[in-house]
């Protein structure tokens, strides 16, 4: 089983994301890339050859981590990061769980999104707008001319595949196959939400002529989609010849190319368990009246919760004044905040 996650290779050492192009030029791409731990030779070569792309990948990493934390903000596992841990998410990534499957997919998607966006914004030497979107084409509304700047999604996918998959292809084991499958799910998820945007030309804005281009949707759509795939992730086992998967439970359907797959059941994430990478839910805010995953009963794992009364200051009674300002009053609001109780010490010690 591999011990370093995609997140570790893309995010944790990404001080690269904070390095300006001038700094890269001063130090040299070779020096920077040689000091990123966990990269295989092919990844180092790509890093040295395309330092501007690596910088975009580093910026994109921040975006997909934020999206991961948004998607799981109401769950026991909330995609929390560990600042001092080189794997970013800690030991939770060592288990071949559905959480690991989601992280590989969303991070792979984030790399595609970041590179494609940088291509369209003219930030990269190796790519620009999609060169194939030229001439005339047709959709359900009729013919149109390709124009503007279509997002070069195929370049983003090709580079992400070459860079992200390189380490998995060095190892021929079950976890590597799982990671490759989920990486592909993430890459294809971004392409799924490409949309055609058009500008009308003609008398009084009529659409007798249209100029159109392909654009990526907001990354939130990809996050929402992969979150649903997480919910429906399929537990698998290796087939007999070790070349692919089969379902662990014969009563379930076989996974398709768009399904996330995992091998191991997740821990319950209720209490701190260093071996499983669980941070526990002690101190997490919960919703007293919810019956969902954010509810105190579920979030606190039946341990109960503490209630603290706090006073919040918010803006209220906002009015628009001509011209052109919005003025608000400050209102005080007293609310009860519920936080999960810590487990009893004996219970906690059993898990550490």
Protein backbone atom coordinates (compact mmCIF):
# COMPACT_ATOMS: atom_id res chain seq x y z
CA UNK A 1 0.00 0.00 0.00
CA UNK A 2 1.29 3.44 -0.87
CA UNK A 3 2.04 5.66 2.06
CA UNK A 4 1.99 9.05 0.36
CA UNK A 5 -1.21 10.58 -0.93
CA UNK A 6 -1.89 12.74 -3.94
CA UNK A 7 -2.56 15.55 -1.51
CA UNK A 8 0.96 15.22 -0.14
CA UNK A 9 2.48 15.37 -3.59
CA UNK A 10 0.38 18.28 -4.80
CA UNK A 11 -0.32 20.36 -1.73
CA UNK A 12 1.69 19.90 1.42
CA UNK A 13 5.08 20.96 0.10
CA UNK A 14 3.50 23.53 -2.13
CA UNK A 15 5.52 26.41 -0.91
CA UNK A 16 5.89 26.48 -4.72
CA UNK A 17 2.43 28.04 -4.76
CA UNK A 18 3.80 31.00 -2.86
CA UNK A 19 6.86 31.49 -5.04
CA UNK A 20 6.63 34.25 -7.62
CA UNK A 21 7.90 33.61 -11.18
CA UNK A 22 10.80 35.99 -10.43
CA UNK A 23 11.75 33.87 -7.40
CA UNK A 24 11.58 30.70 -9.48
CA UNK A 25 13.84 32.33 -12.05
CA UNK A 26 16.30 33.43 -9.38
CA UNK A 27 16.57 30.02 -7.73
CA UNK A 28 16.11 27.93 -10.83
CA UNK A 29 13.31 25.45 -11.42
CA UNK A 30 15.68 22.53 -10.86
CA UNK A 31 16.48 23.64 -7.32
CA UNK A 32 12.82 24.18 -6.46
CA UNK A 33 11.62 20.91 -7.95
CA UNK A 34 14.43 18.86 -6.41
CA UNK A 35 13.34 20.05 -2.96
CA UNK A 36 9.72 18.97 -3.22
CA UNK A 37 9.53 15.66 -1.32
CA UNK A 38 7.68 12.65 -2.70
CA UNK A 39 7.94 13.36 -6.43
CA UNK A 40 9.00 10.59 -8.83
CA UNK A 41 11.40 11.31 -11.69
CA UNK A 42 8.70 12.05 -14.26
CA UNK A 43 7.05 14.53 -11.91
CA UNK A 44 10.36 16.28 -11.25
CA UNK A 45 11.01 16.51 -14.97
CA UNK A 46 7.60 18.05 -15.60
CA UNK A 47 8.09 20.41 -12.65
CA UNK A 48 11.47 21.57 -14.00
CA UNK A 49 10.17 21.94 -17.55
CA UNK A 50 6.95 23.76 -16.64
CA UNK A 51 7.54 25.83 -13.46
CA UNK A 52 4.73 28.22 -14.40
CA UNK A 53 2.26 25.32 -14.54
CA UNK A 54 3.46 24.09 -11.15
CA UNK A 55 2.66 27.50 -9.72
CA UNK A 56 -0.88 27.27 -11.12
CA UNK A 57 -1.24 23.79 -9.63
CA UNK A 58 -0.18 25.13 -6.24
CA UNK A 59 -2.79 27.88 -6.41
CA UNK A 60 -5.39 25.35 -7.52
CA UNK A 61 -4.59 23.17 -4.51
CA UNK A 62 -5.88 25.87 -2.17
CA UNK A 63 -9.12 25.95 -4.14
CA UNK A 64 -9.85 22.23 -4.04
CA UNK A 65 -9.02 21.99 -0.33
CA UNK A 66 -11.54 24.79 0.33
CA UNK A 67 -14.10 22.93 -1.77
CA UNK A 68 -13.45 19.67 0.08
CA UNK A 69 -13.94 21.43 3.41
CA UNK A 70 -17.13 23.08 2.14
CA UNK A 71 -18.61 19.77 1.00
CA UNK A 72 -17.89 18.06 4.34
CA UNK A 73 -18.44 21.00 6.69
CA UNK A 74 -21.41 19.24 8.34
CA UNK A 75 -19.81 15.80 8.69
CA UNK A 76 -17.71 14.08 11.33
CA UNK A 77 -14.83 13.97 8.87
CA UNK A 78 -14.65 17.55 7.67
CA UNK A 79 -11.62 17.36 5.35
CA UNK A 80 -9.53 19.06 8.00
CA UNK A 81 -5.87 19.66 7.22
CA UNK A 82 -2.85 19.27 9.45
CA UNK A 83 -0.38 22.14 9.04
CA UNK A 84 2.60 20.24 10.41
CA UNK A 85 1.90 16.99 8.59
CA UNK A 86 3.53 16.59 5.18
CA UNK A 87 0.57 14.53 3.95
CA UNK A 88 -1.85 17.43 4.63
CA UNK A 89 -4.68 15.17 5.82
CA UNK A 90 -2.60 12.94 8.07
CA UNK A 91 -3.02 9.18 8.37
CA UNK A 92 -6.61 9.27 7.14
CA UNK A 93 -5.16 8.99 3.62
CA UNK A 94 -3.39 5.73 4.42
CA UNK A 95 -6.69 3.89 4.60
CA UNK A 96 -8.26 3.01 1.23
CA UNK A 97 -11.57 4.53 2.32
CA UNK A 98 -14.23 6.53 0.53
CA UNK A 99 -12.73 9.70 2.06
CA UNK A 100 -9.41 8.93 0.37
CA UNK A 101 -11.30 8.24 -2.86
CA UNK A 102 -12.96 11.67 -2.68
CA UNK A 103 -9.69 13.48 -1.92
CA UNK A 104 -7.95 11.88 -4.90
CA UNK A 105 -10.86 12.76 -7.18
CA UNK A 106 -11.36 16.37 -6.02
CA UNK A 107 -7.63 17.09 -6.05
CA UNK A 108 -7.22 15.66 -9.55
CA UNK A 109 -10.18 17.78 -10.65
CA UNK A 110 -8.58 20.82 -9.01
CA UNK A 111 -5.37 20.35 -11.00
CA UNK A 112 -7.33 20.18 -14.28
CA UNK A 113 -9.36 23.25 -13.35
CA UNK A 114 -6.34 25.33 -12.32
CA UNK A 115 -4.27 24.51 -15.41
CA UNK A 116 -7.18 25.04 -17.82
CA UNK A 117 -8.04 28.38 -16.26
CA UNK A 118 -4.42 29.52 -16.39
CA UNK A 119 -4.24 28.55 -20.10
CA UNK A 120 -7.25 30.73 -20.91
CA UNK A 121 -5.92 33.65 -18.89
CA UNK A 122 -2.66 33.65 -20.85
CA UNK A 123 -0.54 32.82 -17.80
CA UNK A 124 1.22 29.78 -19.29
CA UNK A 125 3.73 29.51 -22.10
CA UNK A 126 2.73 26.00 -23.13
CA UNK A 127 -0.97 26.58 -23.81
CA UNK A 128 -3.63 29.13 -24.59
CA UNK A 129 -7.25 29.00 -25.72
CA UNK A 130 -8.49 25.78 -27.33
CA UNK A 131 -7.00 25.87 -30.87
CA UNK A 132 -9.58 23.39 -32.20
CA UNK A 133 -12.55 25.70 -31.62
CA UNK A 134 -12.36 27.55 -34.93
CA UNK A 135 -14.74 27.99 -37.85
CA UNK A 136 -18.45 27.20 -37.76
CA UNK A 137 -20.41 24.69 -35.70
CA UNK A 138 -24.02 23.85 -34.86
CA UNK A 139 -26.11 23.23 -31.75
CA UNK A 140 -29.86 22.84 -31.11
CA UNK A 141 -30.37 26.57 -31.77
CA UNK A 142 -28.66 26.48 -35.14
CA UNK A 143 -25.27 27.44 -36.54
CA UNK A 144 -22.73 29.66 -34.82
CA UNK A 145 -19.15 30.85 -35.22
CA UNK A 146 -16.47 29.78 -32.80
CA UNK A 147 -14.92 32.88 -31.26
CA UNK A 148 -13.70 34.29 -28.00
CA UNK A 149 -11.51 32.01 -25.88
CA UNK A 150 -12.70 28.44 -25.40
CA UNK A 151 -11.22 26.80 -22.31
CA UNK A 152 -8.51 24.34 -23.33
CA UNK A 153 -9.84 21.55 -21.11
CA UNK A 154 -8.06 18.81 -23.07
CA UNK A 155 -4.65 20.33 -22.33
CA UNK A 156 -5.54 20.58 -18.63
CA UNK A 157 -6.61 16.93 -18.58
CA UNK A 158 -3.51 15.72 -20.44
CA UNK A 159 -1.08 17.54 -18.16
CA UNK A 160 -2.96 16.54 -14.99
CA UNK A 161 -2.96 12.91 -16.10
CA UNK A 162 0.76 12.95 -16.90
CA UNK A 163 1.74 14.65 -13.64
CA UNK A 164 -0.74 13.29 -11.11
CA UNK A 165 -0.83 9.68 -12.34
CA UNK A 166 2.97 9.35 -12.69
CA UNK A 167 3.55 8.09 -9.16
CA UNK A 168 0.66 5.62 -9.20
CA UNK A 169 2.01 4.06 -12.40
CA UNK A 170 5.32 3.31 -10.68
CA UNK A 171 3.57 0.84 -8.37
CA UNK A 172 1.42 -2.08 -9.52
CA UNK A 173 -0.71 -2.66 -6.46
CA UNK A 174 -4.38 -2.42 -5.51
CA UNK A 175 -4.15 1.05 -3.96
CA UNK A 176 -2.44 2.43 -7.05
CA UNK A 177 -5.26 1.09 -9.24
CA UNK A 178 -7.82 2.63 -6.89
CA UNK A 179 -6.05 5.99 -7.01
CA UNK A 180 -5.78 5.95 -10.81
CA UNK A 181 -9.49 5.18 -11.13
CA UNK A 182 -10.52 8.00 -8.79
CA UNK A 183 -8.06 10.42 -10.39
CA UNK A 184 -9.77 9.82 -13.72
CA UNK A 185 -13.21 10.39 -12.17
CA UNK A 186 -12.04 13.78 -10.96
CA UNK A 187 -10.58 14.80 -14.31
CA UNK A 188 -13.71 13.82 -16.21
CA UNK A 189 -15.95 15.60 -13.69
CA UNK A 190 -14.53 18.98 -14.72
CA UNK A 191 -15.13 18.27 -18.41
CA UNK A 192 -18.69 17.18 -17.63
CA UNK A 193 -19.63 20.76 -16.74
CA UNK A 194 -18.23 22.57 -19.76
CA UNK A 195 -20.91 24.95 -21.07
CA UNK A 196 -21.44 26.80 -24.33
CA UNK A 197 -21.54 30.57 -23.89
CA UNK A 198 -22.61 32.80 -26.76
CA UNK A 199 -22.83 36.44 -27.77
CA UNK A 200 -25.56 37.59 -30.15
CA UNK A 201 -24.98 39.83 -33.14
CA UNK A 202 -27.57 41.43 -35.39
CA UNK A 203 -30.10 44.24 -35.60
CA UNK A 204 -31.27 45.34 -32.12
CA UNK A 205 -29.42 42.49 -30.48
CA UNK A 206 -31.19 39.76 -32.44
CA UNK A 207 -29.44 36.43 -32.64
CA UNK A 208 -29.18 36.19 -36.41
CA UNK A 209 -25.47 35.65 -35.84
CA UNK A 210 -23.86 34.07 -32.79
CA UNK A 211 -20.28 33.84 -31.60
CA UNK A 212 -19.75 31.07 -29.04
CA UNK A 213 -17.04 29.54 -26.90
CA UNK A 214 -16.76 26.69 -24.37
CA UNK A 215 -16.23 27.64 -20.73
CA UNK A 216 -15.78 25.70 -17.51
CA UNK A 217 -18.53 26.04 -14.93
CA UNK A 218 -17.82 27.18 -11.39
CA UNK A 219 -15.75 24.60 -9.47
CA UNK A 220 -18.63 24.24 -7.00
CA UNK A 221 -20.53 22.19 -9.60
CA UNK A 222 -17.65 19.73 -9.79
CA UNK A 223 -17.51 19.61 -5.98
CA UNK A 224 -21.25 18.96 -5.71
CA UNK A 225 -21.05 16.21 -8.33
CA UNK A 226 -18.11 14.43 -6.69
CA UNK A 227 -19.82 14.74 -3.31
CA UNK A 228 -22.77 12.77 -4.72
CA UNK A 229 -20.31 10.24 -6.11
CA UNK A 230 -18.83 9.96 -2.61
CA UNK A 231 -22.27 9.15 -1.24
CA UNK A 232 -22.68 6.41 -3.85
CA UNK A 233 -19.08 5.16 -3.81
CA UNK A 234 -18.76 1.44 -4.44
CA UNK A 235 -16.68 -0.87 -2.28
CA UNK A 236 -14.56 -3.15 -4.46
CA UNK A 237 -11.97 -5.92 -4.27
CA UNK A 238 -9.30 -6.81 -6.79
CA UNK A 239 -10.20 -9.36 -9.43
CA UNK A 240 -8.34 -12.66 -9.57
CA UNK A 241 -5.74 -11.60 -12.13
CA UNK A 242 -5.04 -8.32 -10.33
CA UNK A 243 -5.84 -6.09 -13.31
CA UNK A 244 -9.07 -4.50 -12.14
CA UNK A 245 -11.94 -4.45 -9.66
CA UNK A 246 -15.02 -6.42 -8.84
CA UNK A 247 -17.69 -5.47 -6.34
CA UNK A 248 -17.14 -6.55 -2.75
CA UNK A 249 -20.88 -7.23 -2.37
CA UNK A 250 -22.42 -9.17 -5.25
CA UNK A 251 -25.78 -7.51 -4.58
CA UNK A 252 -24.45 -4.16 -5.76
CA UNK A 253 -23.87 -3.06 -9.34
CA UNK A 254 -20.42 -2.97 -10.86
CA UNK A 255 -18.64 0.42 -10.76
CA UNK A 256 -18.54 2.47 -13.94
CA UNK A 257 -15.80 4.87 -14.98
CA UNK A 258 -17.66 7.70 -13.23
CA UNK A 259 -18.06 5.95 -9.85
CA UNK A 260 -15.68 6.47 -6.97
CA UNK A 261 -14.29 3.19 -5.61
CA UNK A 262 -12.75 2.22 -2.28
CA UNK A 263 -11.49 -0.93 -0.52
CA UNK A 264 -11.78 -0.32 3.23
CA UNK A 265 -14.61 0.84 5.45
CA UNK A 266 -14.14 4.25 7.06
CA UNK A 267 -13.56 4.76 10.77
CA UNK A 268 -16.48 6.46 12.51
CA UNK A 269 -14.35 9.60 13.17
CA UNK A 270 -16.08 10.00 16.56
CA UNK A 271 -12.99 10.02 18.75
CA UNK A 272 -9.38 10.90 18.17
CA UNK A 273 -7.64 7.87 16.73
CA UNK A 274 -4.10 8.60 15.64
CA UNK A 275 -3.66 5.29 13.84
CA UNK A 276 -6.73 5.96 11.66
CA UNK A 277 -6.10 9.67 11.25
CA UNK A 278 -9.34 10.58 13.02
CA UNK A 279 -9.36 13.92 14.84
CA UNK A 280 -12.66 13.16 16.61
CA UNK A 281 -15.62 15.50 16.94
CA UNK A 282 -15.02 16.90 20.44
CA UNK A 283 -15.63 20.66 20.35
CA UNK A 284 -17.30 20.62 16.93
CA UNK A 285 -20.33 22.89 16.54
CA UNK A 286 -23.57 20.98 15.95
CA UNK A 287 -27.19 21.80 15.15
CA UNK A 288 -29.49 20.90 18.03
CA UNK A 289 -32.66 20.61 15.94
CA UNK A 290 -31.20 18.85 12.89
CA UNK A 291 -31.64 15.13 12.33
CA UNK A 292 -28.95 15.10 9.65
CA UNK A 293 -25.20 14.64 9.80
CA UNK A 294 -24.78 18.11 11.30
CA UNK A 295 -27.20 17.33 14.15
CA UNK A 296 -25.85 17.02 17.67
CA UNK A 297 -26.97 13.40 18.01
CA UNK A 298 -25.03 12.28 14.94
CA UNK A 299 -22.09 14.69 15.11
CA UNK A 300 -21.45 14.06 18.80
CA UNK A 301 -21.83 10.28 18.45
CA UNK A 302 -24.30 10.12 21.33
CA UNK A 303 -21.89 11.73 23.84
CA UNK A 304 -24.06 14.81 24.32
CA UNK A 305 -23.20 18.45 23.84
CA UNK A 306 -22.42 21.63 25.75
CA UNK A 307 -24.39 24.83 25.24
CA UNK A 308 -22.84 28.28 25.37
CA UNK A 309 -24.76 31.53 25.02
CA UNK A 310 -22.92 34.04 22.85
CA UNK A 311 -23.69 37.54 21.62
CA UNK A 312 -23.07 38.27 17.96
CA UNK A 313 -22.95 41.65 16.28
CA UNK A 314 -24.36 41.68 12.76
CA UNK A 315 -25.30 44.36 10.23
CA UNK A 316 -29.04 44.92 9.93
CA UNK A 317 -31.69 47.32 8.64
CA UNK A 318 -29.51 48.17 5.64
CA UNK A 319 -30.79 50.97 3.41
CA UNK A 320 -29.64 52.28 0.05
CA UNK A 321 -28.95 56.01 -0.02
CA UNK A 322 -28.92 57.99 -3.26
CA UNK A 323 -26.29 58.05 -4.56
CA UNK A 324 -24.51 55.57 -4.01
CA UNK A 325 -24.06 54.05 -0.57
CA UNK A 326 -25.57 51.36 1.64
CA UNK A 327 -25.80 52.18 5.33
CA UNK A 328 -26.54 49.60 7.99
CA UNK A 329 -27.13 49.51 11.72
CA UNK A 330 -25.33 47.12 14.03
CA UNK A 331 -27.62 44.68 15.80
CA UNK A 332 -26.79 42.41 18.70
CA UNK A 333 -28.17 38.91 18.60
CA UNK A 334 -27.86 36.40 21.44
CA UNK A 335 -27.76 32.77 20.34
CA UNK A 336 -27.01 29.38 21.83
CA UNK A 337 -24.01 27.55 20.35
CA UNK A 338 -23.88 23.80 20.84
CA UNK A 339 -20.57 21.93 20.81
CA UNK A 340 -19.89 18.21 21.14
CA UNK A 341 -18.68 16.90 24.47
CA UNK A 342 -15.32 15.18 24.61
CA UNK A 343 -15.37 11.40 25.19
CA UNK A 344 -14.62 10.07 28.62
CA UNK A 345 -10.90 9.66 29.18
CA UNK A 346 -10.99 5.86 29.32
CA UNK A 347 -12.84 5.75 25.99
CA UNK A 348 -10.31 8.10 24.41
CA UNK A 349 -7.33 6.11 25.65
CA UNK A 350 -8.65 2.97 23.99
CA UNK A 351 -8.30 4.66 20.61
CA UNK A 352 -4.84 6.20 20.85
